[in-house]
Amino acid sequence: MNIQAMMKQAQKLQKDMMKAKEEIDNTVFTGKSSFVTVEVKGTKEVQKVKIDAEQIDKDDIEMLEDMIQVAINDANKQIDEETERKMGKYTKGMPGLF
Protein backbone atom coordinates (compact mmCIF):
# COMPACT_ATOMS: atom_id res chain seq x y z
CA MET A 1 0.00 0.00 0.00
CA ASN A 2 1.46 3.34 -0.95
CA ILE A 3 1.71 6.34 1.37
CA GLN A 4 -1.03 8.29 -0.44
CA ALA A 5 -3.51 5.45 0.03
CA MET A 6 -2.54 5.17 3.70
CA MET A 7 -3.06 8.91 4.20
CA LYS A 8 -6.46 8.73 2.54
CA GLN A 9 -7.44 5.81 4.76
CA ALA A 10 -6.23 7.68 7.86
CA GLN A 11 -8.26 10.75 6.89
CA LYS A 12 -11.38 8.63 6.42
CA LEU A 13 -10.81 6.98 9.80
CA GLN A 14 -10.39 10.38 11.43
CA LYS A 15 -13.59 11.64 9.81
CA ASP A 16 -15.50 8.55 10.95
CA MET A 17 -14.16 8.96 14.50
CA MET A 18 -15.18 12.61 14.64
CA LYS A 19 -18.66 11.77 13.38
CA ALA A 20 -19.09 9.06 16.03
CA LYS A 21 -17.84 11.41 18.76
CA GLU A 22 -20.23 14.14 17.59
CA GLU A 23 -23.13 11.67 17.72
CA ILE A 24 -22.25 10.77 21.30
CA ASP A 25 -21.79 14.41 22.32
CA ASN A 26 -25.24 15.31 20.97
CA THR A 27 -27.05 12.36 22.55
CA VAL A 28 -28.92 12.93 25.82
CA PHE A 29 -28.59 10.10 28.34
CA THR A 30 -31.15 9.67 31.12
CA GLY A 31 -29.98 8.47 34.52
CA LYS A 32 -32.47 7.35 37.17
CA SER A 33 -32.38 6.65 40.85
CA SER A 34 -35.70 6.09 42.64
CA PHE A 35 -37.51 9.44 42.32
CA VAL A 36 -34.65 11.41 40.73
CA THR A 37 -34.11 11.61 36.98
CA VAL A 38 -31.25 13.45 35.31
CA GLU A 39 -30.54 14.17 31.66
CA VAL A 40 -26.90 14.46 30.68
CA LYS A 41 -25.46 15.21 27.24
CA GLY A 42 -22.69 13.01 25.89
CA THR A 43 -20.28 15.77 26.86
CA LYS A 44 -21.30 14.97 30.48
CA GLU A 45 -23.04 18.34 30.81
CA VAL A 46 -26.10 17.99 33.05
CA GLN A 47 -29.11 19.25 31.10
CA LYS A 48 -31.94 18.61 33.54
CA VAL A 49 -32.62 17.31 37.03
CA LYS A 50 -36.16 16.19 37.84
CA ILE A 51 -37.30 15.27 41.33
CA ASP A 52 -40.64 13.65 42.02
CA ALA A 53 -41.42 15.88 45.03
CA GLU A 54 -44.42 13.78 46.05
CA GLN A 55 -42.06 10.92 46.84
CA ILE A 56 -39.76 12.77 49.24
CA ASP A 57 -40.16 13.92 52.79
CA LYS A 58 -38.72 17.37 53.43
CA ASP A 59 -36.46 15.88 56.10
CA ASP A 60 -34.73 13.58 53.63
CA ILE A 61 -32.44 16.11 51.94
CA GLU A 62 -29.34 13.97 52.49
CA MET A 63 -31.04 11.01 50.82
CA LEU A 64 -32.08 13.29 47.94
CA GLU A 65 -28.49 14.40 47.48
CA ASP A 66 -27.43 10.74 47.31
CA MET A 67 -30.17 9.97 44.76
CA ILE A 68 -29.02 12.85 42.53
CA GLN A 69 -25.44 11.60 42.72
CA VAL A 70 -26.51 8.05 41.80
CA ALA A 71 -28.64 9.27 38.88
CA ILE A 72 -25.81 11.44 37.48
CA ASN A 73 -23.34 8.59 37.84
CA ASP A 74 -25.82 6.28 36.06
CA ALA A 75 -26.08 8.68 33.11
CA ASN A 76 -22.28 9.13 33.00
CA LYS A 77 -21.84 5.33 32.97
CA GLN A 78 -24.19 5.14 29.98
CA ILE A 79 -22.11 7.80 28.20
CA ASP A 80 -18.90 5.86 28.88
CA GLU A 81 -20.47 2.62 27.61
CA GLU A 82 -21.79 4.30 24.45
CA THR A 83 -18.43 5.95 23.85
CA GLU A 84 -16.67 2.60 24.18
CA ARG A 85 -19.24 0.93 21.94
CA LYS A 86 -18.91 3.52 19.18
CA MET A 87 -15.28 4.52 19.55
CA GLY A 88 -13.75 1.22 20.70
CA LYS A 89 -13.42 0.02 17.13
CA TYR A 90 -11.10 2.95 16.46
CA THR A 91 -9.03 2.80 19.63
CA LYS A 92 -8.63 -1.01 19.65
CA GLY A 93 -7.59 -1.49 23.25
CA MET A 94 -6.23 1.98 23.89
CA PRO A 95 -8.66 3.21 26.57
CA GLY A 96 -8.83 6.82 27.62
CA LEU A 97 -8.57 8.43 24.21
CA PHE A 98 -12.09 9.86 24.41
PDB file of N, CA and C in Angstrom:
ATOM      1  N   MET A   1       0.863  -1.185   0.000  1.00  0.00           N
ATOM      2  CA  MET A   1       0.000   0.000   0.000  1.00  0.00           C
ATOM      3  C   MET A   1       0.903   1.240   0.000  1.00  0.00           C
ATOM      4  N   ASN A   2       0.621   2.159  -0.873  1.00  0.00           N
ATOM      5  CA  ASN A   2       1.465   3.342  -0.950  1.00  0.00           C
ATOM      6  C   ASN A   2       1.061   4.371   0.114  1.00  0.00           C
ATOM      7  N   ILE A   3       1.900   5.341   0.316  1.00  0.00           N
ATOM      8  CA  ILE A   3       1.707   6.341   1.374  1.00  0.00           C
ATOM      9  C   ILE A   3       0.463   7.186   1.129  1.00  0.00           C
ATOM     10  N   GLN A   4       0.160   7.482  -0.123  1.00  0.00           N
ATOM     11  CA  GLN A   4      -1.026   8.290  -0.437  1.00  0.00           C
ATOM     12  C   GLN A   4      -2.300   7.536  -0.060  1.00  0.00           C
ATOM     13  N   ALA A   5      -2.348   6.261  -0.332  1.00  0.00           N
ATOM     14  CA  ALA A   5      -3.514   5.454   0.029  1.00  0.00           C
ATOM     15  C   ALA A   5      -3.651   5.357   1.553  1.00  0.00           C
ATOM     16  N   MET A   6      -2.514   5.228   2.239  1.00  0.00           N
ATOM     17  CA  MET A   6      -2.543   5.169   3.703  1.00  0.00           C
ATOM     18  C   MET A   6      -3.043   6.478   4.285  1.00  0.00           C
ATOM     19  N   MET A   7      -2.613   7.598   3.715  1.00  0.00           N
ATOM     20  CA  MET A   7      -3.055   8.906   4.202  1.00  0.00           C
ATOM     21  C   MET A   7      -4.561   9.080   3.981  1.00  0.00           C
ATOM     22  N   LYS A   8      -5.039   8.632   2.845  1.00  0.00           N
ATOM     23  CA  LYS A   8      -6.461   8.728   2.539  1.00  0.00           C
ATOM     24  C   LYS A   8      -7.271   7.882   3.526  1.00  0.00           C
ATOM     25  N   GLN A   9      -6.766   6.691   3.810  1.00  0.00           N
ATOM     26  CA  GLN A   9      -7.438   5.806   4.761  1.00  0.00           C
ATOM     27  C   GLN A   9      -7.432   6.424   6.162  1.00  0.00           C
ATOM     28  N   ALA A  10      -6.323   7.031   6.550  1.00  0.00           N
ATOM     29  CA  ALA A  10      -6.229   7.676   7.855  1.00  0.00           C
ATOM     30  C   ALA A  10      -7.190   8.859   7.956  1.00  0.00           C
ATOM     31  N   GLN A  11      -7.327   9.622   6.892  1.00  0.00           N
ATOM     32  CA  GLN A  11      -8.255  10.755   6.886  1.00  0.00           C
ATOM     33  C   GLN A  11      -9.694  10.279   7.006  1.00  0.00           C
ATOM     34  N   LYS A  12     -10.034   9.181   6.328  1.00  0.00           N
ATOM     35  CA  LYS A  12     -11.380   8.627   6.422  1.00  0.00           C
ATOM     36  C   LYS A  12     -11.649   8.144   7.845  1.00  0.00           C
ATOM     37  N   LEU A  13     -10.672   7.463   8.423  1.00  0.00           N
ATOM     38  CA  LEU A  13     -10.806   6.977   9.796  1.00  0.00           C
ATOM     39  C   LEU A  13     -11.013   8.142  10.756  1.00  0.00           C
ATOM     40  N   GLN A  14     -10.249   9.203  10.583  1.00  0.00           N
ATOM     41  CA  GLN A  14     -10.388  10.384  11.433  1.00  0.00           C
ATOM     42  C   GLN A  14     -11.780  11.000  11.278  1.00  0.00           C
ATOM     43  N   LYS A  15     -12.261  11.094  10.067  1.00  0.00           N
ATOM     44  CA  LYS A  15     -13.588  11.644   9.808  1.00  0.00           C
ATOM     45  C   LYS A  15     -14.667  10.780  10.467  1.00  0.00           C
ATOM     46  N   ASP A  16     -14.539   9.461  10.341  1.00  0.00           N
ATOM     47  CA  ASP A  16     -15.498   8.546  10.952  1.00  0.00           C
ATOM     48  C   ASP A  16     -15.485   8.673  12.483  1.00  0.00           C
ATOM     49  N   MET A  17     -14.285   8.805  13.043  1.00  0.00           N
ATOM     50  CA  MET A  17     -14.160   8.956  14.495  1.00  0.00           C
ATOM     51  C   MET A  17     -14.825  10.249  14.970  1.00  0.00           C
ATOM     52  N   MET A  18     -14.595  11.322  14.258  1.00  0.00           N
ATOM     53  CA  MET A  18     -15.175  12.610  14.644  1.00  0.00           C
ATOM     54  C   MET A  18     -16.697  12.574  14.540  1.00  0.00           C
ATOM     55  N   LYS A  19     -17.217  11.896  13.530  1.00  0.00           N
ATOM     56  CA  LYS A  19     -18.664  11.769  13.376  1.00  0.00           C
ATOM     57  C   LYS A  19     -19.253  10.983  14.547  1.00  0.00           C
ATOM     58  N   ALA A  20     -18.609   9.872  14.908  1.00  0.00           N
ATOM     59  CA  ALA A  20     -19.091   9.058  16.027  1.00  0.00           C
ATOM     60  C   ALA A  20     -19.044   9.853  17.327  1.00  0.00           C
ATOM     61  N   LYS A  21     -17.969  10.597  17.541  1.00  0.00           N
ATOM     62  CA  LYS A  21     -17.841  11.412  18.756  1.00  0.00           C
ATOM     63  C   LYS A  21     -18.912  12.493  18.794  1.00  0.00           C
ATOM     64  N   GLU A  22     -19.199  13.111  17.653  1.00  0.00           N
ATOM     65  CA  GLU A  22     -20.231  14.139  17.587  1.00  0.00           C
ATOM     66  C   GLU A  22     -21.609  13.550  17.916  1.00  0.00           C
ATOM     67  N   GLU A  23     -21.865  12.342  17.413  1.00  0.00           N
ATOM     68  CA  GLU A  23     -23.132  11.674  17.719  1.00  0.00           C
ATOM     69  C   GLU A  23     -23.279  11.455  19.222  1.00  0.00           C
ATOM     70  N   ILE A  24     -22.218  10.999  19.844  1.00  0.00           N
ATOM     71  CA  ILE A  24     -22.247  10.774  21.299  1.00  0.00           C
ATOM     72  C   ILE A  24     -22.449  12.094  22.023  1.00  0.00           C
ATOM     73  N   ASP A  25     -21.697  13.115  21.653  1.00  0.00           N
ATOM     74  CA  ASP A  25     -21.791  14.415  22.316  1.00  0.00           C
ATOM     75  C   ASP A  25     -23.198  15.001  22.240  1.00  0.00           C
ATOM     76  N   ASN A  26     -23.912  14.740  21.155  1.00  0.00           N
ATOM     77  CA  ASN A  26     -25.237  15.310  20.966  1.00  0.00           C
ATOM     78  C   ASN A  26     -26.370  14.433  21.486  1.00  0.00           C
ATOM     79  N   THR A  27     -26.039  13.255  21.990  1.00  0.00           N
ATOM     80  CA  THR A  27     -27.047  12.363  22.552  1.00  0.00           C
ATOM     81  C   THR A  27     -27.302  12.748  24.002  1.00  0.00           C
ATOM     82  N   VAL A  28     -28.565  12.676  24.424  1.00  0.00           N
ATOM     83  CA  VAL A  28     -28.923  12.931  25.818  1.00  0.00           C
ATOM     84  C   VAL A  28     -29.182  11.578  26.489  1.00  0.00           C
ATOM     85  N   PHE A  29     -28.473  11.328  27.580  1.00  0.00           N
ATOM     86  CA  PHE A  29     -28.595  10.098  28.337  1.00  0.00           C
ATOM     87  C   PHE A  29     -29.405  10.389  29.592  1.00  0.00           C
ATOM     88  N   THR A  30     -30.283   9.473  29.957  1.00  0.00           N
ATOM     89  CA  THR A  30     -31.147   9.667  31.121  1.00  0.00           C
ATOM     90  C   THR A  30     -30.735   8.706  32.213  1.00  0.00           C
ATOM     91  N   GLY A  31     -30.331   9.269  33.358  1.00  0.00           N
ATOM     92  CA  GLY A  31     -29.979   8.469  34.523  1.00  0.00           C
ATOM     93  C   GLY A  31     -31.101   8.538  35.536  1.00  0.00           C
ATOM     94  N   LYS A  32     -31.368   7.401  36.199  1.00  0.00           N
ATOM     95  CA  LYS A  32     -32.466   7.354  37.165  1.00  0.00           C
ATOM     96  C   LYS A  32     -32.006   6.722  38.461  1.00  0.00           C
ATOM     97  N   SER A  33     -32.589   7.215  39.528  1.00  0.00           N
ATOM     98  CA  SER A  33     -32.383   6.649  40.854  1.00  0.00           C
ATOM     99  C   SER A  33     -33.620   6.953  41.672  1.00  0.00           C
ATOM    100  N   SER A  34     -34.433   5.948  41.909  1.00  0.00           N
ATOM    101  CA  SER A  34     -35.701   6.092  42.644  1.00  0.00           C
ATOM    102  C   SER A  34     -36.528   7.224  42.052  1.00  0.00           C
ATOM    103  N   PHE A  35     -36.647   8.336  42.753  1.00  0.00           N
ATOM    104  CA  PHE A  35     -37.508   9.439  42.324  1.00  0.00           C
ATOM    105  C   PHE A  35     -36.731  10.616  41.746  1.00  0.00           C
ATOM    106  N   VAL A  36     -35.486  10.373  41.351  1.00  0.00           N
ATOM    107  CA  VAL A  36     -34.649  11.406  40.734  1.00  0.00           C
ATOM    108  C   VAL A  36     -34.303  10.955  39.316  1.00  0.00           C
ATOM    109  N   THR A  37     -34.489  11.852  38.365  1.00  0.00           N
ATOM    110  CA  THR A  37     -34.113  11.606  36.978  1.00  0.00           C
ATOM    111  C   THR A  37     -33.232  12.752  36.515  1.00  0.00           C
ATOM    112  N   VAL A  38     -32.127  12.422  35.860  1.00  0.00           N
ATOM    113  CA  VAL A  38     -31.251  13.454  35.312  1.00  0.00           C
ATOM    114  C   VAL A  38     -31.038  13.187  33.829  1.00  0.00           C
ATOM    115  N   GLU A  39     -30.887  14.262  33.071  1.00  0.00           N
ATOM    116  CA  GLU A  39     -30.544  14.168  31.662  1.00  0.00           C
ATOM    117  C   GLU A  39     -29.172  14.796  31.483  1.00  0.00           C
ATOM    118  N   VAL A  40     -28.274  14.037  30.851  1.00  0.00           N
ATOM    119  CA  VAL A  40     -26.896  14.463  30.684  1.00  0.00           C
ATOM    120  C   VAL A  40     -26.507  14.279  29.220  1.00  0.00           C
ATOM    121  N   LYS A  41     -25.947  15.323  28.615  1.00  0.00           N
ATOM    122  CA  LYS A  41     -25.458  15.212  27.240  1.00  0.00           C
ATOM    123  C   LYS A  41     -24.215  14.324  27.222  1.00  0.00           C
ATOM    124  N   GLY A  42     -23.873  13.849  26.043  1.00  0.00           N
ATOM    125  CA  GLY A  42     -22.695  13.008  25.892  1.00  0.00           C
ATOM    126  C   GLY A  42     -21.405  13.695  26.290  1.00  0.00           C
ATOM    127  N   THR A  43     -21.442  15.011  26.394  1.00  0.00           N
ATOM    128  CA  THR A  43     -20.284  15.772  26.860  1.00  0.00           C
ATOM    129  C   THR A  43     -20.203  15.775  28.383  1.00  0.00           C
ATOM    130  N   LYS A  44     -21.149  15.084  29.022  1.00  0.00           N
ATOM    131  CA  LYS A  44     -21.301  14.974  30.477  1.00  0.00           C
ATOM    132  C   LYS A  44     -21.773  16.279  31.113  1.00  0.00           C
ATOM    133  N   GLU A  45     -22.427  17.105  30.322  1.00  0.00           N
ATOM    134  CA  GLU A  45     -23.042  18.338  30.812  1.00  0.00           C
ATOM    135  C   GLU A  45     -24.465  18.005  31.251  1.00  0.00           C
ATOM    136  N   VAL A  46     -24.771  18.265  32.523  1.00  0.00           N
ATOM    137  CA  VAL A  46     -26.103  17.991  33.053  1.00  0.00           C
ATOM    138  C   VAL A  46     -27.093  18.968  32.428  1.00  0.00           C
ATOM    139  N   GLN A  47     -28.114  18.437  31.775  1.00  0.00           N
ATOM    140  CA  GLN A  47     -29.114  19.245  31.100  1.00  0.00           C
ATOM    141  C   GLN A  47     -30.333  19.501  31.973  1.00  0.00           C
ATOM    142  N   LYS A  48     -30.702  18.496  32.771  1.00  0.00           N
ATOM    143  CA  LYS A  48     -31.936  18.610  33.537  1.00  0.00           C
ATOM    144  C   LYS A  48     -31.889  17.672  34.736  1.00  0.00           C
ATOM    145  N   VAL A  49     -32.433  18.142  35.845  1.00  0.00           N
ATOM    146  CA  VAL A  49     -32.622  17.309  37.028  1.00  0.00           C
ATOM    147  C   VAL A  49     -34.098  17.390  37.392  1.00  0.00           C
ATOM    148  N   LYS A  50     -34.742  16.223  37.501  1.00  0.00           N
ATOM    149  CA  LYS A  50     -36.165  16.190  37.840  1.00  0.00           C
ATOM    150  C   LYS A  50     -36.332  15.359  39.105  1.00  0.00           C
ATOM    151  N   ILE A  51     -37.046  15.937  40.058  1.00  0.00           N
ATOM    152  CA  ILE A  51     -37.298  15.266  41.333  1.00  0.00           C
ATOM    153  C   ILE A  51     -38.798  15.121  41.496  1.00  0.00           C
ATOM    154  N   ASP A  52     -39.227  13.890  41.760  1.00  0.00           N
ATOM    155  CA  ASP A  52     -40.642  13.647  42.025  1.00  0.00           C
ATOM    156  C   ASP A  52     -40.892  14.040  43.483  1.00  0.00           C
ATOM    157  N   ALA A  53     -41.287  15.301  43.689  1.00  0.00           N
ATOM    158  CA  ALA A  53     -41.417  15.883  45.027  1.00  0.00           C
ATOM    159  C   ALA A  53     -42.440  15.154  45.895  1.00  0.00           C
ATOM    160  N   GLU A  54     -43.412  14.507  45.277  1.00  0.00           N
ATOM    161  CA  GLU A  54     -44.420  13.785  46.054  1.00  0.00           C
ATOM    162  C   GLU A  54     -43.829  12.576  46.760  1.00  0.00           C
ATOM    163  N   GLN A  55     -42.684  12.121  46.294  1.00  0.00           N
ATOM    164  CA  GLN A  55     -42.064  10.918  46.837  1.00  0.00           C
ATOM    165  C   GLN A  55     -41.055  11.194  47.962  1.00  0.00           C
ATOM    166  N   ILE A  56     -40.806  12.465  48.251  1.00  0.00           N
ATOM    167  CA  ILE A  56     -39.763  12.770  49.237  1.00  0.00           C
ATOM    168  C   ILE A  56     -40.311  13.571  50.397  1.00  0.00           C
ATOM    169  N   ASP A  57     -39.847  13.205  51.560  1.00  0.00           N
ATOM    170  CA  ASP A  57     -40.162  13.923  52.788  1.00  0.00           C
ATOM    171  C   ASP A  57     -39.155  15.068  52.902  1.00  0.00           C
ATOM    172  N   LYS A  58     -39.594  16.191  53.340  1.00  0.00           N
ATOM    173  CA  LYS A  58     -38.721  17.375  53.434  1.00  0.00           C
ATOM    174  C   LYS A  58     -37.490  17.131  54.308  1.00  0.00           C
ATOM    175  N   ASP A  59     -37.570  16.161  55.195  1.00  0.00           N
ATOM    176  CA  ASP A  59     -36.455  15.878  56.100  1.00  0.00           C
ATOM    177  C   ASP A  59     -35.400  14.963  55.474  1.00  0.00           C
ATOM    178  N   ASP A  60     -35.624  14.545  54.259  1.00  0.00           N
ATOM    179  CA  ASP A  60     -34.735  13.578  53.628  1.00  0.00           C
ATOM    180  C   ASP A  60     -33.799  14.212  52.602  1.00  0.00           C
ATOM    181  N   ILE A  61     -33.317  15.398  52.871  1.00  0.00           N
ATOM    182  CA  ILE A  61     -32.441  16.112  51.937  1.00  0.00           C
ATOM    183  C   ILE A  61     -31.159  15.322  51.658  1.00  0.00           C
ATOM    184  N   GLU A  62     -30.568  14.732  52.684  1.00  0.00           N
ATOM    185  CA  GLU A  62     -29.337  13.967  52.489  1.00  0.00           C
ATOM    186  C   GLU A  62     -29.581  12.791  51.546  1.00  0.00           C
ATOM    187  N   MET A  63     -30.703  12.117  51.708  1.00  0.00           N
ATOM    188  CA  MET A  63     -31.040  11.012  50.821  1.00  0.00           C
ATOM    189  C   MET A  63     -31.239  11.531  49.390  1.00  0.00           C
ATOM    190  N   LEU A  64     -31.873  12.686  49.251  1.00  0.00           N
ATOM    191  CA  LEU A  64     -32.085  13.286  47.943  1.00  0.00           C
ATOM    192  C   LEU A  64     -30.744  13.590  47.271  1.00  0.00           C
ATOM    193  N   GLU A  65     -29.819  14.123  48.024  1.00  0.00           N
ATOM    194  CA  GLU A  65     -28.489  14.397  47.483  1.00  0.00           C
ATOM    195  C   GLU A  65     -27.844  13.114  46.972  1.00  0.00           C
ATOM    196  N   ASP A  66     -27.977  12.036  47.725  1.00  0.00           N
ATOM    197  CA  ASP A  66     -27.431  10.745  47.305  1.00  0.00           C
ATOM    198  C   ASP A  66     -28.102  10.243  46.029  1.00  0.00           C
ATOM    199  N   MET A  67     -29.421  10.414  45.944  1.00  0.00           N
ATOM    200  CA  MET A  67     -30.165   9.967  44.760  1.00  0.00           C
ATOM    201  C   MET A  67     -29.725  10.743  43.509  1.00  0.00           C
ATOM    202  N   ILE A  68     -29.493  12.042  43.654  1.00  0.00           N
ATOM    203  CA  ILE A  68     -29.018  12.854  42.525  1.00  0.00           C
ATOM    204  C   ILE A  68     -27.643  12.362  42.081  1.00  0.00           C
ATOM    205  N   GLN A  69     -26.779  12.094  43.038  1.00  0.00           N
ATOM    206  CA  GLN A  69     -25.442  11.604  42.715  1.00  0.00           C
ATOM    207  C   GLN A  69     -25.525  10.267  41.977  1.00  0.00           C
ATOM    208  N   VAL A  70     -26.357   9.356  42.447  1.00  0.00           N
ATOM    209  CA  VAL A  70     -26.505   8.052  41.802  1.00  0.00           C
ATOM    210  C   VAL A  70     -27.047   8.211  40.383  1.00  0.00           C
ATOM    211  N   ALA A  71     -28.040   9.073  40.201  1.00  0.00           N
ATOM    212  CA  ALA A  71     -28.638   9.275  38.879  1.00  0.00           C
ATOM    213  C   ALA A  71     -27.626   9.866  37.894  1.00  0.00           C
ATOM    214  N   ILE A  72     -26.840  10.838  38.348  1.00  0.00           N
ATOM    215  CA  ILE A  72     -25.815  11.435  37.479  1.00  0.00           C
ATOM    216  C   ILE A  72     -24.755  10.393  37.127  1.00  0.00           C
ATOM    217  N   ASN A  73     -24.329   9.625  38.105  1.00  0.00           N
ATOM    218  CA  ASN A  73     -23.337   8.587  37.836  1.00  0.00           C
ATOM    219  C   ASN A  73     -23.884   7.536  36.871  1.00  0.00           C
ATOM    220  N   ASP A  74     -25.181   7.225  36.979  1.00  0.00           N
ATOM    221  CA  ASP A  74     -25.820   6.282  36.061  1.00  0.00           C
ATOM    222  C   ASP A  74     -25.772   6.816  34.633  1.00  0.00           C
ATOM    223  N   ALA A  75     -26.118   8.076  34.449  1.00  0.00           N
ATOM    224  CA  ALA A  75     -26.076   8.681  33.108  1.00  0.00           C
ATOM    225  C   ALA A  75     -24.646   8.719  32.579  1.00  0.00           C
ATOM    226  N   ASN A  76     -23.686   9.082  33.425  1.00  0.00           N
ATOM    227  CA  ASN A  76     -22.281   9.129  32.995  1.00  0.00           C
ATOM    228  C   ASN A  76     -21.777   7.737  32.601  1.00  0.00           C
ATOM    229  N   LYS A  77     -22.220   6.710  33.305  1.00  0.00           N
ATOM    230  CA  LYS A  77     -21.840   5.332  32.967  1.00  0.00           C
ATOM    231  C   LYS A  77     -22.375   4.977  31.579  1.00  0.00           C
ATOM    232  N   GLN A  78     -23.612   5.399  31.294  1.00  0.00           N
ATOM    233  CA  GLN A  78     -24.188   5.145  29.976  1.00  0.00           C
ATOM    234  C   GLN A  78     -23.374   5.836  28.883  1.00  0.00           C
ATOM    235  N   ILE A  79     -22.933   7.065  29.165  1.00  0.00           N
ATOM    236  CA  ILE A  79     -22.107   7.799  28.199  1.00  0.00           C
ATOM    237  C   ILE A  79     -20.802   7.052  27.949  1.00  0.00           C
ATOM    238  N   ASP A  80     -20.157   6.593  29.024  1.00  0.00           N
ATOM    239  CA  ASP A  80     -18.895   5.858  28.877  1.00  0.00           C
ATOM    240  C   ASP A  80     -19.094   4.578  28.069  1.00  0.00           C
ATOM    241  N   GLU A  81     -20.192   3.862  28.339  1.00  0.00           N
ATOM    242  CA  GLU A  81     -20.472   2.623  27.613  1.00  0.00           C
ATOM    243  C   GLU A  81     -20.737   2.896  26.130  1.00  0.00           C
ATOM    244  N   GLU A  82     -21.504   3.950  25.835  1.00  0.00           N
ATOM    245  CA  GLU A  82     -21.794   4.300  24.446  1.00  0.00           C
ATOM    246  C   GLU A  82     -20.528   4.762  23.732  1.00  0.00           C
ATOM    247  N   THR A  83     -19.692   5.505  24.431  1.00  0.00           N
ATOM    248  CA  THR A  83     -18.426   5.953  23.848  1.00  0.00           C
ATOM    249  C   THR A  83     -17.553   4.753  23.522  1.00  0.00           C
ATOM    250  N   GLU A  84     -17.476   3.800  24.425  1.00  0.00           N
ATOM    251  CA  GLU A  84     -16.670   2.604  24.181  1.00  0.00           C
ATOM    252  C   GLU A  84     -17.255   1.788  23.032  1.00  0.00           C
ATOM    253  N   ARG A  85     -18.591   1.697  22.993  1.00  0.00           N
ATOM    254  CA  ARG A  85     -19.245   0.926  21.938  1.00  0.00           C
ATOM    255  C   ARG A  85     -18.971   1.534  20.563  1.00  0.00           C
ATOM    256  N   LYS A  86     -19.089   2.858  20.475  1.00  0.00           N
ATOM    257  CA  LYS A  86     -18.908   3.515  19.182  1.00  0.00           C
ATOM    258  C   LYS A  86     -17.448   3.794  18.836  1.00  0.00           C
ATOM    259  N   MET A  87     -16.650   4.105  19.829  1.00  0.00           N
ATOM    260  CA  MET A  87     -15.278   4.523  19.551  1.00  0.00           C
ATOM    261  C   MET A  87     -14.266   3.390  19.738  1.00  0.00           C
ATOM    262  N   GLY A  88     -14.665   2.325  20.415  1.00  0.00           N
ATOM    263  CA  GLY A  88     -13.746   1.218  20.697  1.00  0.00           C
ATOM    264  C   GLY A  88     -13.153   0.605  19.443  1.00  0.00           C
ATOM    265  N   LYS A  89     -13.944   0.600  18.373  1.00  0.00           N
ATOM    266  CA  LYS A  89     -13.423   0.017  17.130  1.00  0.00           C
ATOM    267  C   LYS A  89     -12.280   0.836  16.552  1.00  0.00           C
ATOM    268  N   TYR A  90     -12.190   2.095  16.940  1.00  0.00           N
ATOM    269  CA  TYR A  90     -11.103   2.955  16.457  1.00  0.00           C
ATOM    270  C   TYR A  90      -9.884   2.895  17.376  1.00  0.00           C
ATOM    271  N   THR A  91     -10.149   2.762  18.672  1.00  0.00           N
ATOM    272  CA  THR A  91      -9.033   2.802  19.631  1.00  0.00           C
ATOM    273  C   THR A  91      -8.407   1.432  19.851  1.00  0.00           C
ATOM    274  N   LYS A  92      -9.134   0.373  19.569  1.00  0.00           N
ATOM    275  CA  LYS A  92      -8.634  -1.007  19.653  1.00  0.00           C
ATOM    276  C   LYS A  92      -7.741  -1.258  20.870  1.00  0.00           C
ATOM    277  N   GLY A  93      -8.340  -1.176  22.044  1.00  0.00           N
ATOM    278  CA  GLY A  93      -7.594  -1.491  23.253  1.00  0.00           C
ATOM    279  C   GLY A  93      -6.779  -0.361  23.823  1.00  0.00           C
ATOM    280  N   MET A  94      -6.939   0.844  23.329  1.00  0.00           N
ATOM    281  CA  MET A  94      -6.225   1.983  23.893  1.00  0.00           C
ATOM    282  C   MET A  94      -7.247   2.858  24.634  1.00  0.00           C
ATOM    283  N   PRO A  95      -7.640   2.459  25.841  1.00  0.00           N
ATOM    284  CA  PRO A  95      -8.656   3.209  26.567  1.00  0.00           C
ATOM    285  C   PRO A  95      -8.185   4.606  26.949  1.00  0.00           C
ATOM    286  N   GLY A  96      -9.156   5.477  27.150  1.00  0.00           N
ATOM    287  CA  GLY A  96      -8.832   6.816  27.624  1.00  0.00           C
ATOM    288  C   GLY A  96      -8.596   7.837  26.534  1.00  0.00           C
ATOM    289  N   LEU A  97      -8.775   7.464  25.277  1.00  0.00           N
ATOM    290  CA  LEU A  97      -8.567   8.429  24.208  1.00  0.00           C
ATOM    291  C   LEU A  97      -9.726   9.402  24.087  1.00  0.00           C
ATOM    292  N   PHE A  98     -10.921   8.997  24.535  1.00  0.00           N
ATOM    293  CA  PHE A  98     -12.087   9.860  24.413  1.00  0.00           C
ATOM    294  C   PHE A  98     -12.765  10.043  25.728  1.00  0.00           C
TER     295      PHE A  98
END
